[in-house]
Amino acid sequence: MEISTRDVGDVTVVDISGSLDTHTSGAASDRMGDIIGSTEKMLLNLENLEFLSSAGLRVFLRAAKQQKGSGGAIKACNATGVVKEVMEISGFGSLLELHDSEGDALASF
């Protein structure tokens, strides 16, 4: 699992790749906490996320609560395959606004 960031205007795009599971969720949660403290608008780009477990969902849940609690906004884009299915089945669409493309997500802020 890798997490990198880039700024697009006033939005911090968080690119997540690999697997977000029990083995990687601790480091991912720590990294997301660091990012949350530095931005008001966060977009999770899940284009290269290949696997998402319940531990990974908890990372997203914690990040969303922290970001919204600090008055910020968090959205997600480019979820595909099993990652999109897991997020939809678990109801994460009500917690994180899910967009099909990065462009659409950026325009929605």
PDB file of N, CA and C in Angstrom:
ATOM      1  N   MET A   1       0.838  -1.159   0.000  1.00  0.00           N
ATOM      2  CA  MET A   1       0.000   0.000   0.000  1.00  0.00           C
ATOM      3  C   MET A   1       0.890   1.231   0.000  1.00  0.00           C
ATOM      4  N   GLU A   2       0.544   2.166  -0.861  1.00  0.00           N
ATOM      5  CA  GLU A   2       1.259   3.436  -0.914  1.00  0.00           C
ATOM      6  C   GLU A   2       0.252   4.566  -0.894  1.00  0.00           C
ATOM      7  N   ILE A   3       0.611   5.643  -0.191  1.00  0.00           N
ATOM      8  CA  ILE A   3      -0.210   6.839  -0.150  1.00  0.00           C
ATOM      9  C   ILE A   3       0.678   8.018  -0.516  1.00  0.00           C
ATOM     10  N   SER A   4       0.256   8.752  -1.537  1.00  0.00           N
ATOM     11  CA  SER A   4       0.974   9.962  -1.928  1.00  0.00           C
ATOM     12  C   SER A   4      -0.049  11.081  -2.065  1.00  0.00           C
ATOM     13  N   THR A   5       0.439  12.308  -2.000  1.00  0.00           N
ATOM     14  CA  THR A   5      -0.467  13.455  -2.110  1.00  0.00           C
ATOM     15  C   THR A   5       0.020  14.408  -3.183  1.00  0.00           C
ATOM     16  N   ARG A   6      -0.934  15.150  -3.709  1.00  0.00           N
ATOM     17  CA  ARG A   6      -0.629  16.228  -4.641  1.00  0.00           C
ATOM     18  C   ARG A   6      -1.731  17.255  -4.501  1.00  0.00           C
ATOM     19  N   ASP A   7      -1.393  18.491  -4.758  1.00  0.00           N
ATOM     20  CA  ASP A   7      -2.374  19.560  -4.669  1.00  0.00           C
ATOM     21  C   ASP A   7      -2.895  19.906  -6.049  1.00  0.00           C
ATOM     22  N   VAL A   8      -4.217  20.005  -6.154  1.00  0.00           N
ATOM     23  CA  VAL A   8      -4.876  20.467  -7.365  1.00  0.00           C
ATOM     24  C   VAL A   8      -5.729  21.653  -6.915  1.00  0.00           C
ATOM     25  N   GLY A   9      -5.228  22.846  -7.179  1.00  0.00           N
ATOM     26  CA  GLY A   9      -5.885  24.035  -6.644  1.00  0.00           C
ATOM     27  C   GLY A   9      -5.838  23.999  -5.133  1.00  0.00           C
ATOM     28  N   ASP A  10      -6.992  24.146  -4.505  1.00  0.00           N
ATOM     29  CA  ASP A  10      -7.043  24.128  -3.042  1.00  0.00           C
ATOM     30  C   ASP A  10      -7.465  22.767  -2.482  1.00  0.00           C
ATOM     31  N   VAL A  11      -7.419  21.733  -3.327  1.00  0.00           N
ATOM     32  CA  VAL A  11      -7.790  20.379  -2.918  1.00  0.00           C
ATOM     33  C   VAL A  11      -6.537  19.520  -2.821  1.00  0.00           C
ATOM     34  N   THR A  12      -6.411  18.780  -1.728  1.00  0.00           N
ATOM     35  CA  THR A  12      -5.331  17.806  -1.596  1.00  0.00           C
ATOM     36  C   THR A  12      -5.856  16.466  -2.097  1.00  0.00           C
ATOM     37  N   VAL A  13      -5.259  15.972  -3.166  1.00  0.00           N
ATOM     38  CA  VAL A  13      -5.632  14.673  -3.722  1.00  0.00           C
ATOM     39  C   VAL A  13      -4.723  13.629  -3.083  1.00  0.00           C
ATOM     40  N   VAL A  14      -5.347  12.618  -2.498  1.00  0.00           N
ATOM     41  CA  VAL A  14      -4.621  11.533  -1.836  1.00  0.00           C
ATOM     42  C   VAL A  14      -4.738  10.299  -2.725  1.00  0.00           C
ATOM     43  N   ASP A  15      -3.636   9.933  -3.359  1.00  0.00           N
ATOM     44  CA  ASP A  15      -3.604   8.758  -4.237  1.00  0.00           C
ATOM     45  C   ASP A  15      -3.238   7.538  -3.398  1.00  0.00           C
ATOM     46  N   ILE A  16      -4.133   6.554  -3.398  1.00  0.00           N
ATOM     47  CA  ILE A  16      -3.920   5.340  -2.601  1.00  0.00           C
ATOM     48  C   ILE A  16      -3.801   4.163  -3.566  1.00  0.00           C
ATOM     49  N   SER A  17      -2.744   3.382  -3.414  1.00  0.00           N
ATOM     50  CA  SER A  17      -2.555   2.238  -4.302  1.00  0.00           C
ATOM     51  C   SER A  17      -2.219   0.987  -3.501  1.00  0.00           C
ATOM     52  N   GLY A  18      -2.461  -0.154  -4.129  1.00  0.00           N
ATOM     53  CA  GLY A  18      -2.153  -1.428  -3.487  1.00  0.00           C
ATOM     54  C   GLY A  18      -3.340  -1.983  -2.734  1.00  0.00           C
ATOM     55  N   SER A  19      -3.089  -2.553  -1.565  1.00  0.00           N
ATOM     56  CA  SER A  19      -4.131  -3.151  -0.728  1.00  0.00           C
ATOM     57  C   SER A  19      -4.237  -2.404   0.584  1.00  0.00           C
ATOM     58  N   LEU A  20      -5.458  -2.108   0.970  1.00  0.00           N
ATOM     59  CA  LEU A  20      -5.712  -1.466   2.264  1.00  0.00           C
ATOM     60  C   LEU A  20      -6.447  -2.498   3.111  1.00  0.00           C
ATOM     61  N   ASP A  21      -5.684  -3.158   3.979  1.00  0.00           N
ATOM     62  CA  ASP A  21      -6.214  -4.272   4.758  1.00  0.00           C
ATOM     63  C   ASP A  21      -5.648  -4.245   6.172  1.00  0.00           C
ATOM     64  N   THR A  22      -5.812  -5.319   6.890  1.00  0.00           N
ATOM     65  CA  THR A  22      -5.356  -5.408   8.277  1.00  0.00           C
ATOM     66  C   THR A  22      -3.874  -5.091   8.416  1.00  0.00           C
ATOM     67  N   HIS A  23      -3.086  -5.533   7.469  1.00  0.00           N
ATOM     68  CA  HIS A  23      -1.634  -5.363   7.544  1.00  0.00           C
ATOM     69  C   HIS A  23      -1.185  -3.928   7.265  1.00  0.00           C
ATOM     70  N   THR A  24      -1.954  -3.193   6.498  1.00  0.00           N
ATOM     71  CA  THR A  24      -1.539  -1.849   6.094  1.00  0.00           C
ATOM     72  C   THR A  24      -2.372  -0.737   6.721  1.00  0.00           C
ATOM     73  N   SER A  25      -3.457  -1.093   7.410  1.00  0.00           N
ATOM     74  CA  SER A  25      -4.378  -0.070   7.903  1.00  0.00           C
ATOM     75  C   SER A  25      -3.775   0.828   8.980  1.00  0.00           C
ATOM     76  N   GLY A  26      -2.901   0.320   9.811  1.00  0.00           N
ATOM     77  CA  GLY A  26      -2.285   1.142  10.857  1.00  0.00           C
ATOM     78  C   GLY A  26      -1.459   2.275  10.262  1.00  0.00           C
ATOM     79  N   ALA A  27      -0.598   1.933   9.336  1.00  0.00           N
ATOM     80  CA  ALA A  27       0.231   2.946   8.681  1.00  0.00           C
ATOM     81  C   ALA A  27      -0.630   3.903   7.870  1.00  0.00           C
ATOM     82  N   ALA A  28      -1.659   3.365   7.210  1.00  0.00           N
ATOM     83  CA  ALA A  28      -2.546   4.216   6.414  1.00  0.00           C
ATOM     84  C   ALA A  28      -3.300   5.201   7.301  1.00  0.00           C
ATOM     85  N   SER A  29      -3.765   4.751   8.429  1.00  0.00           N
ATOM     86  CA  SER A  29      -4.487   5.621   9.361  1.00  0.00           C
ATOM     87  C   SER A  29      -3.591   6.741   9.874  1.00  0.00           C
ATOM     88  N   ASP A  30      -2.362   6.401  10.206  1.00  0.00           N
ATOM     89  CA  ASP A  30      -1.403   7.415  10.660  1.00  0.00           C
ATOM     90  C   ASP A  30      -1.138   8.447   9.570  1.00  0.00           C
ATOM     91  N   ARG A  31      -0.927   7.985   8.357  1.00  0.00           N
ATOM     92  CA  ARG A  31      -0.647   8.883   7.230  1.00  0.00           C
ATOM     93  C   ARG A  31      -1.844   9.783   6.938  1.00  0.00           C
ATOM     94  N   MET A  32      -3.043   9.214   6.963  1.00  0.00           N
ATOM     95  CA  MET A  32      -4.250  10.003   6.722  1.00  0.00           C
ATOM     96  C   MET A  32      -4.419  11.062   7.812  1.00  0.00           C
ATOM     97  N   GLY A  33      -4.102  10.726   9.053  1.00  0.00           N
ATOM     98  CA  GLY A  33      -4.178  11.695  10.139  1.00  0.00           C
ATOM     99  C   GLY A  33      -3.255  12.875   9.913  1.00  0.00           C
ATOM    100  N   ASP A  34      -2.073  12.605   9.406  1.00  0.00           N
ATOM    101  CA  ASP A  34      -1.120  13.685   9.093  1.00  0.00           C
ATOM    102  C   ASP A  34      -1.665  14.592   7.988  1.00  0.00           C
ATOM    103  N   ILE A  35      -2.278  13.996   6.993  1.00  0.00           N
ATOM    104  CA  ILE A  35      -2.799  14.767   5.863  1.00  0.00           C
ATOM    105  C   ILE A  35      -3.987  15.618   6.299  1.00  0.00           C
ATOM    106  N   ILE A  36      -4.867  15.057   7.098  1.00  0.00           N
ATOM    107  CA  ILE A  36      -6.061  15.774   7.548  1.00  0.00           C
ATOM    108  C   ILE A  36      -5.699  17.071   8.251  1.00  0.00           C
ATOM    109  N   GLY A  37      -4.641  17.074   9.004  1.00  0.00           N
ATOM    110  CA  GLY A  37      -4.232  18.277   9.722  1.00  0.00           C
ATOM    111  C   GLY A  37      -3.732  19.395   8.827  1.00  0.00           C
ATOM    112  N   SER A  38      -3.535  19.110   7.551  1.00  0.00           N
ATOM    113  CA  SER A  38      -2.921  20.102   6.676  1.00  0.00           C
ATOM    114  C   SER A  38      -3.814  20.583   5.528  1.00  0.00           C
ATOM    115  N   THR A  39      -5.069  20.145   5.474  1.00  0.00           N
ATOM    116  CA  THR A  39      -5.930  20.532   4.350  1.00  0.00           C
ATOM    117  C   THR A  39      -7.386  20.613   4.772  1.00  0.00           C
ATOM    118  N   GLU A  40      -8.137  21.473   4.099  1.00  0.00           N
ATOM    119  CA  GLU A  40      -9.578  21.556   4.343  1.00  0.00           C
ATOM    120  C   GLU A  40     -10.365  20.700   3.365  1.00  0.00           C
ATOM    121  N   LYS A  41      -9.833  20.522   2.154  1.00  0.00           N
ATOM    122  CA  LYS A  41     -10.521  19.753   1.118  1.00  0.00           C
ATOM    123  C   LYS A  41      -9.644  18.576   0.714  1.00  0.00           C
ATOM    124  N   MET A  42     -10.189  17.367   0.884  1.00  0.00           N
ATOM    125  CA  MET A  42      -9.429  16.161   0.601  1.00  0.00           C
ATOM    126  C   MET A  42     -10.188  15.271  -0.372  1.00  0.00           C
ATOM    127  N   LEU A  43      -9.489  14.792  -1.385  1.00  0.00           N
ATOM    128  CA  LEU A  43     -10.062  13.865  -2.350  1.00  0.00           C
ATOM    129  C   LEU A  43      -9.249  12.581  -2.339  1.00  0.00           C
ATOM    130  N   LEU A  44      -9.903  11.477  -2.046  1.00  0.00           N
ATOM    131  CA  LEU A  44      -9.257  10.168  -2.074  1.00  0.00           C
ATOM    132  C   LEU A  44      -9.379   9.591  -3.478  1.00  0.00           C
ATOM    133  N   ASN A  45      -8.259   9.482  -4.170  1.00  0.00           N
ATOM    134  CA  ASN A  45      -8.243   8.892  -5.508  1.00  0.00           C
ATOM    135  C   ASN A  45      -7.944   7.405  -5.350  1.00  0.00           C
ATOM    136  N   LEU A  46      -8.950   6.564  -5.629  1.00  0.00           N
ATOM    137  CA  LEU A  46      -8.845   5.129  -5.393  1.00  0.00           C
ATOM    138  C   LEU A  46      -8.578   4.333  -6.666  1.00  0.00           C
ATOM    139  N   GLU A  47      -8.162   5.036  -7.716  1.00  0.00           N
ATOM    140  CA  GLU A  47      -7.948   4.412  -9.027  1.00  0.00           C
ATOM    141  C   GLU A  47      -7.015   3.203  -8.962  1.00  0.00           C
ATOM    142  N   ASN A  48      -5.983   3.251  -8.156  1.00  0.00           N
ATOM    143  CA  ASN A  48      -5.001   2.169  -8.080  1.00  0.00           C
ATOM    144  C   ASN A  48      -5.102   1.331  -6.811  1.00  0.00           C
ATOM    145  N   LEU A  49      -6.219   1.500  -6.083  1.00  0.00           N
ATOM    146  CA  LEU A  49      -6.458   0.667  -4.909  1.00  0.00           C
ATOM    147  C   LEU A  49      -7.047  -0.651  -5.400  1.00  0.00           C
ATOM    148  N   GLU A  50      -6.347  -1.739  -5.131  1.00  0.00           N
ATOM    149  CA  GLU A  50      -6.737  -3.042  -5.665  1.00  0.00           C
ATOM    150  C   GLU A  50      -7.605  -3.848  -4.713  1.00  0.00           C
ATOM    151  N   PHE A  51      -7.471  -3.605  -3.412  1.00  0.00           N
ATOM    152  CA  PHE A  51      -8.212  -4.388  -2.421  1.00  0.00           C
ATOM    153  C   PHE A  51      -8.530  -3.515  -1.226  1.00  0.00           C
ATOM    154  N   LEU A  52      -9.723  -3.677  -0.671  1.00  0.00           N
ATOM    155  CA  LEU A  52     -10.166  -2.911   0.488  1.00  0.00           C
ATOM    156  C   LEU A  52     -10.905  -3.847   1.431  1.00  0.00           C
ATOM    157  N   SER A  53     -10.392  -3.996   2.645  1.00  0.00           N
ATOM    158  CA  SER A  53     -11.032  -4.851   3.640  1.00  0.00           C
ATOM    159  C   SER A  53     -11.794  -3.984   4.639  1.00  0.00           C
ATOM    160  N   SER A  54     -12.409  -4.629   5.616  1.00  0.00           N
ATOM    161  CA  SER A  54     -13.126  -3.881   6.656  1.00  0.00           C
ATOM    162  C   SER A  54     -12.164  -2.999   7.445  1.00  0.00           C
ATOM    163  N   ALA A  55     -10.927  -3.420   7.594  1.00  0.00           N
ATOM    164  CA  ALA A  55      -9.928  -2.580   8.282  1.00  0.00           C
ATOM    165  C   ALA A  55      -9.656  -1.325   7.456  1.00  0.00           C
ATOM    166  N   GLY A  56      -9.637  -1.455   6.150  1.00  0.00           N
ATOM    167  CA  GLY A  56      -9.466  -0.299   5.272  1.00  0.00           C
ATOM    168  C   GLY A  56     -10.662   0.634   5.341  1.00  0.00           C
ATOM    169  N   LEU A  57     -11.854   0.064   5.412  1.00  0.00           N
ATOM    170  CA  LEU A  57     -13.061   0.885   5.561  1.00  0.00           C
ATOM    171  C   LEU A  57     -12.999   1.701   6.846  1.00  0.00           C
ATOM    172  N   ARG A  58     -12.468   1.113   7.906  1.00  0.00           N
ATOM    173  CA  ARG A  58     -12.324   1.845   9.174  1.00  0.00           C
ATOM    174  C   ARG A  58     -11.366   3.030   9.019  1.00  0.00           C
ATOM    175  N   VAL A  59     -10.323   2.870   8.209  1.00  0.00           N
ATOM    176  CA  VAL A  59      -9.406   3.986   7.941  1.00  0.00           C
ATOM    177  C   VAL A  59     -10.178   5.126   7.287  1.00  0.00           C
ATOM    178  N   PHE A  60     -10.999   4.804   6.292  1.00  0.00           N
ATOM    179  CA  PHE A  60     -11.801   5.829   5.617  1.00  0.00           C
ATOM    180  C   PHE A  60     -12.820   6.455   6.569  1.00  0.00           C
ATOM    181  N   LEU A  61     -13.442   5.634   7.406  1.00  0.00           N
ATOM    182  CA  LEU A  61     -14.423   6.134   8.372  1.00  0.00           C
ATOM    183  C   LEU A  61     -13.780   7.121   9.342  1.00  0.00           C
ATOM    184  N   ARG A  62     -12.644   6.736   9.875  1.00  0.00           N
ATOM    185  CA  ARG A  62     -11.925   7.617  10.807  1.00  0.00           C
ATOM    186  C   ARG A  62     -11.510   8.920  10.121  1.00  0.00           C
ATOM    187  N   ALA A  63     -10.991   8.817   8.912  1.00  0.00           N
ATOM    188  CA  ALA A  63     -10.560  10.010   8.172  1.00  0.00           C
ATOM    189  C   ALA A  63     -11.746  10.928   7.901  1.00  0.00           C
ATOM    190  N   ALA A  64     -12.874  10.339   7.503  1.00  0.00           N
ATOM    191  CA  ALA A  64     -14.060  11.153   7.211  1.00  0.00           C
ATOM    192  C   ALA A  64     -14.550  11.864   8.467  1.00  0.00           C
ATOM    193  N   LYS A  65     -14.586  11.171   9.576  1.00  0.00           N
ATOM    194  CA  LYS A  65     -15.031  11.789  10.829  1.00  0.00           C
ATOM    195  C   LYS A  65     -14.089  12.908  11.262  1.00  0.00           C
ATOM    196  N   GLN A  66     -12.791  12.677  11.158  1.00  0.00           N
ATOM    197  CA  GLN A  66     -11.816  13.699  11.538  1.00  0.00           C
ATOM    198  C   GLN A  66     -11.901  14.911  10.605  1.00  0.00           C
ATOM    199  N   GLN A  67     -11.989  14.661   9.316  1.00  0.00           N
ATOM    200  CA  GLN A  67     -12.022  15.748   8.341  1.00  0.00           C
ATOM    201  C   GLN A  67     -13.285  16.588   8.517  1.00  0.00           C
ATOM    202  N   LYS A  68     -14.420  15.940   8.653  1.00  0.00           N
ATOM    203  CA  LYS A  68     -15.680  16.660   8.832  1.00  0.00           C
ATOM    204  C   LYS A  68     -15.735  17.336  10.196  1.00  0.00           C
ATOM    205  N   GLY A  69     -15.147  16.702  11.208  1.00  0.00           N
ATOM    206  CA  GLY A  69     -15.107  17.275  12.544  1.00  0.00           C
ATOM    207  C   GLY A  69     -14.298  18.559  12.619  1.00  0.00           C
ATOM    208  N   SER A  70     -13.329  18.692  11.734  1.00  0.00           N
ATOM    209  CA  SER A  70     -12.508  19.896  11.717  1.00  0.00           C
ATOM    210  C   SER A  70     -13.052  20.937  10.731  1.00  0.00           C
ATOM    211  N   GLY A  71     -14.260  20.668  10.206  1.00  0.00           N
ATOM    212  CA  GLY A  71     -14.878  21.613   9.291  1.00  0.00           C
ATOM    213  C   GLY A  71     -14.479  21.436   7.844  1.00  0.00           C
ATOM    214  N   GLY A  72     -13.772  20.381   7.549  1.00  0.00           N
ATOM    215  CA  GLY A  72     -13.318  20.138   6.185  1.00  0.00           C
ATOM    216  C   GLY A  72     -14.264  19.240   5.414  1.00  0.00           C
ATOM    217  N   ALA A  73     -13.905  18.986   4.170  1.00  0.00           N
ATOM    218  CA  ALA A  73     -14.692  18.117   3.294  1.00  0.00           C
ATOM    219  C   ALA A  73     -13.802  17.004   2.770  1.00  0.00           C
ATOM    220  N   ILE A  74     -14.392  15.824   2.608  1.00  0.00           N
ATOM    221  CA  ILE A  74     -13.664  14.684   2.073  1.00  0.00           C
ATOM    222  C   ILE A  74     -14.563  13.954   1.080  1.00  0.00           C
ATOM    223  N   LYS A  75     -13.995  13.603  -0.058  1.00  0.00           N
ATOM    224  CA  LYS A  75     -14.719  12.891  -1.106  1.00  0.00           C
ATOM    225  C   LYS A  75     -13.794  11.822  -1.676  1.00  0.00           C
ATOM    226  N   ALA A  76     -14.364  10.934  -2.486  1.00  0.00           N
ATOM    227  CA  ALA A  76     -13.567   9.865  -3.093  1.00  0.00           C
ATOM    228  C   ALA A  76     -13.913   9.748  -4.573  1.00  0.00           C
ATOM    229  N   CYS A  77     -12.964   9.237  -5.345  1.00  0.00           N
ATOM    230  CA  CYS A  77     -13.194   9.056  -6.779  1.00  0.00           C
ATOM    231  C   CYS A  77     -12.454   7.830  -7.299  1.00  0.00           C
ATOM    232  N   ASN A  78     -12.875   7.417  -8.492  1.00  0.00           N
ATOM    233  CA  ASN A  78     -12.198   6.374  -9.267  1.00  0.00           C
ATOM    234  C   ASN A  78     -12.173   4.996  -8.620  1.00  0.00           C
ATOM    235  N   ALA A  79     -13.109   4.708  -7.717  1.00  0.00           N
ATOM    236  CA  ALA A  79     -13.186   3.360  -7.162  1.00  0.00           C
ATOM    237  C   ALA A  79     -13.696   2.426  -8.252  1.00  0.00           C
ATOM    238  N   THR A  80     -13.050   1.291  -8.419  1.00  0.00           N
ATOM    239  CA  THR A  80     -13.458   0.330  -9.436  1.00  0.00           C
ATOM    240  C   THR A  80     -13.507  -1.074  -8.850  1.00  0.00           C
ATOM    241  N   GLY A  81     -14.129  -1.968  -9.585  1.00  0.00           N
ATOM    242  CA  GLY A  81     -14.141  -3.382  -9.236  1.00  0.00           C
ATOM    243  C   GLY A  81     -14.583  -3.662  -7.829  1.00  0.00           C
ATOM    244  N   VAL A  82     -13.824  -4.512  -7.168  1.00  0.00           N
ATOM    245  CA  VAL A  82     -14.186  -4.964  -5.826  1.00  0.00           C
ATOM    246  C   VAL A  82     -14.161  -3.811  -4.820  1.00  0.00           C
ATOM    247  N   VAL A  83     -13.292  -2.842  -5.012  1.00  0.00           N
ATOM    248  CA  VAL A  83     -13.223  -1.699  -4.091  1.00  0.00           C
ATOM    249  C   VAL A  83     -14.529  -0.910  -4.158  1.00  0.00           C
ATOM    250  N   LYS A  84     -15.013  -0.645  -5.347  1.00  0.00           N
ATOM    251  CA  LYS A  84     -16.272   0.081  -5.507  1.00  0.00           C
ATOM    252  C   LYS A  84     -17.431  -0.719  -4.915  1.00  0.00           C
ATOM    253  N   GLU A  85     -17.425  -2.003  -5.174  1.00  0.00           N
ATOM    254  CA  GLU A  85     -18.478  -2.877  -4.664  1.00  0.00           C
ATOM    255  C   GLU A  85     -18.500  -2.877  -3.137  1.00  0.00           C
ATOM    256  N   VAL A  86     -17.337  -2.998  -2.506  1.00  0.00           N
ATOM    257  CA  VAL A  86     -17.257  -2.998  -1.046  1.00  0.00           C
ATOM    258  C   VAL A  86     -17.767  -1.670  -0.484  1.00  0.00           C
ATOM    259  N   MET A  87     -17.384  -0.575  -1.105  1.00  0.00           N
ATOM    260  CA  MET A  87     -17.808   0.737  -0.618  1.00  0.00           C
ATOM    261  C   MET A  87     -19.314   0.933  -0.781  1.00  0.00           C
ATOM    262  N   GLU A  88     -19.875   0.474  -1.887  1.00  0.00           N
ATOM    263  CA  GLU A  88     -21.309   0.618  -2.101  1.00  0.00           C
ATOM    264  C   GLU A  88     -22.117  -0.276  -1.170  1.00  0.00           C
ATOM    265  N   ILE A  89     -21.707  -1.524  -1.033  1.00  0.00           N
ATOM    266  CA  ILE A  89     -22.433  -2.470  -0.179  1.00  0.00           C
ATOM    267  C   ILE A  89     -22.401  -2.023   1.288  1.00  0.00           C
ATOM    268  N   SER A  90     -21.280  -1.463   1.704  1.00  0.00           N
ATOM    269  CA  SER A  90     -21.140  -1.056   3.101  1.00  0.00           C
ATOM    270  C   SER A  90     -21.793   0.294   3.401  1.00  0.00           C
ATOM    271  N   GLY A  91     -22.313   0.953   2.375  1.00  0.00           N
ATOM    272  CA  GLY A  91     -23.001   2.221   2.589  1.00  0.00           C
ATOM    273  C   GLY A  91     -22.093   3.430   2.692  1.00  0.00           C
ATOM    274  N   PHE A  92     -20.871   3.312   2.223  1.00  0.00           N
ATOM    275  CA  PHE A  92     -19.929   4.429   2.336  1.00  0.00           C
ATOM    276  C   PHE A  92     -20.292   5.598   1.421  1.00  0.00           C
ATOM    277  N   GLY A  93     -21.219   5.374   0.502  1.00  0.00           N
ATOM    278  CA  GLY A  93     -21.684   6.466  -0.340  1.00  0.00           C
ATOM    279  C   GLY A  93     -22.370   7.562   0.453  1.00  0.00           C
ATOM    280  N   SER A  94     -22.931   7.205   1.609  1.00  0.00           N
ATOM    281  CA  SER A  94     -23.578   8.221   2.455  1.00  0.00           C
ATOM    282  C   SER A  94     -22.558   8.950   3.326  1.00  0.00           C
ATOM    283  N   LEU A  95     -21.404   8.381   3.493  1.00  0.00           N
ATOM    284  CA  LEU A  95     -20.358   8.997   4.308  1.00  0.00           C
ATOM    285  C   LEU A  95     -19.370   9.772   3.446  1.00  0.00           C
ATOM    286  N   LEU A  96     -18.977   9.179   2.349  1.00  0.00           N
ATOM    287  CA  LEU A  96     -18.054   9.795   1.399  1.00  0.00           C
ATOM    288  C   LEU A  96     -18.768   9.942   0.071  1.00  0.00           C
ATOM    289  N   GLU A  97     -18.804  11.131  -0.446  1.00  0.00           N
ATOM    290  CA  GLU A  97     -19.371  11.341  -1.777  1.00  0.00           C
ATOM    291  C   GLU A  97     -18.462  10.636  -2.771  1.00  0.00           C
ATOM    292  N   LEU A  98     -19.003   9.664  -3.517  1.00  0.00           N
ATOM    293  CA  LEU A  98     -18.212   8.895  -4.472  1.00  0.00           C
ATOM    294  C   LEU A  98     -18.436   9.423  -5.883  1.00  0.00           C
ATOM    295  N   HIS A  99     -17.352   9.698  -6.587  1.00  0.00           N
ATOM    296  CA  HIS A  99     -17.418  10.202  -7.956  1.00  0.00           C
ATOM    297  C   HIS A  99     -16.690   9.239  -8.889  1.00  0.00           C
ATOM    298  N   ASP A 100     -17.169   9.183 -10.141  1.00  0.00           N
ATOM    299  CA  ASP A 100     -16.572   8.281 -11.118  1.00  0.00           C
ATOM    300  C   ASP A 100     -15.235   8.771 -11.646  1.00  0.00           C
ATOM    301  N   SER A 101     -14.999  10.088 -11.597  1.00  0.00           N
ATOM    302  CA  SER A 101     -13.734  10.616 -12.116  1.00  0.00           C
ATOM    303  C   SER A 101     -13.187  11.691 -11.193  1.00  0.00           C
ATOM    304  N   GLU A 102     -11.893  11.905 -11.297  1.00  0.00           N
ATOM    305  CA  GLU A 102     -11.251  12.942 -10.492  1.00  0.00           C
ATOM    306  C   GLU A 102     -11.765  14.325 -10.882  1.00  0.00           C
ATOM    307  N   GLY A 103     -11.955  14.548 -12.159  1.00  0.00           N
ATOM    308  CA  GLY A 103     -12.451  15.831 -12.623  1.00  0.00           C
ATOM    309  C   GLY A 103     -13.810  16.182 -12.042  1.00  0.00           C
ATOM    310  N   ASP A 104     -14.727  15.198 -12.057  1.00  0.00           N
ATOM    311  CA  ASP A 104     -16.061  15.409 -11.473  1.00  0.00           C
ATOM    312  C   ASP A 104     -15.973  15.688  -9.990  1.00  0.00           C
ATOM    313  N   ALA A 105     -15.123  14.939  -9.302  1.00  0.00           N
ATOM    314  CA  ALA A 105     -14.976  15.137  -7.862  1.00  0.00           C
ATOM    315  C   ALA A 105     -14.413  16.503  -7.540  1.00  0.00           C
ATOM    316  N   LEU A 106     -13.380  16.927  -8.267  1.00  0.00           N
ATOM    317  CA  LEU A 106     -12.780  18.239  -8.031  1.00  0.00           C
ATOM    318  C   LEU A 106     -13.796  19.350  -8.279  1.00  0.00           C
ATOM    319  N   ALA A 107     -14.603  19.217  -9.319  1.00  0.00           N
ATOM    320  CA  ALA A 107     -15.609  20.234  -9.637  1.00  0.00           C
ATOM    321  C   ALA A 107     -16.702  20.314  -8.580  1.00  0.00           C
ATOM    322  N   SER A 108     -16.884  19.250  -7.806  1.00  0.00           N
ATOM    323  CA  SER A 108     -17.966  19.213  -6.815  1.00  0.00           C
ATOM    324  C   SER A 108     -17.613  19.928  -5.506  1.00  0.00           C
ATOM    325  N   PHE A 109     -16.358  20.297  -5.315  1.00  0.00           N
ATOM    326  CA  PHE A 109     -15.983  20.977  -4.064  1.00  0.00           C
ATOM    327  C   PHE A 109     -16.467  22.404  -4.083  1.00  0.00           C
TER     328      PHE A 109
END
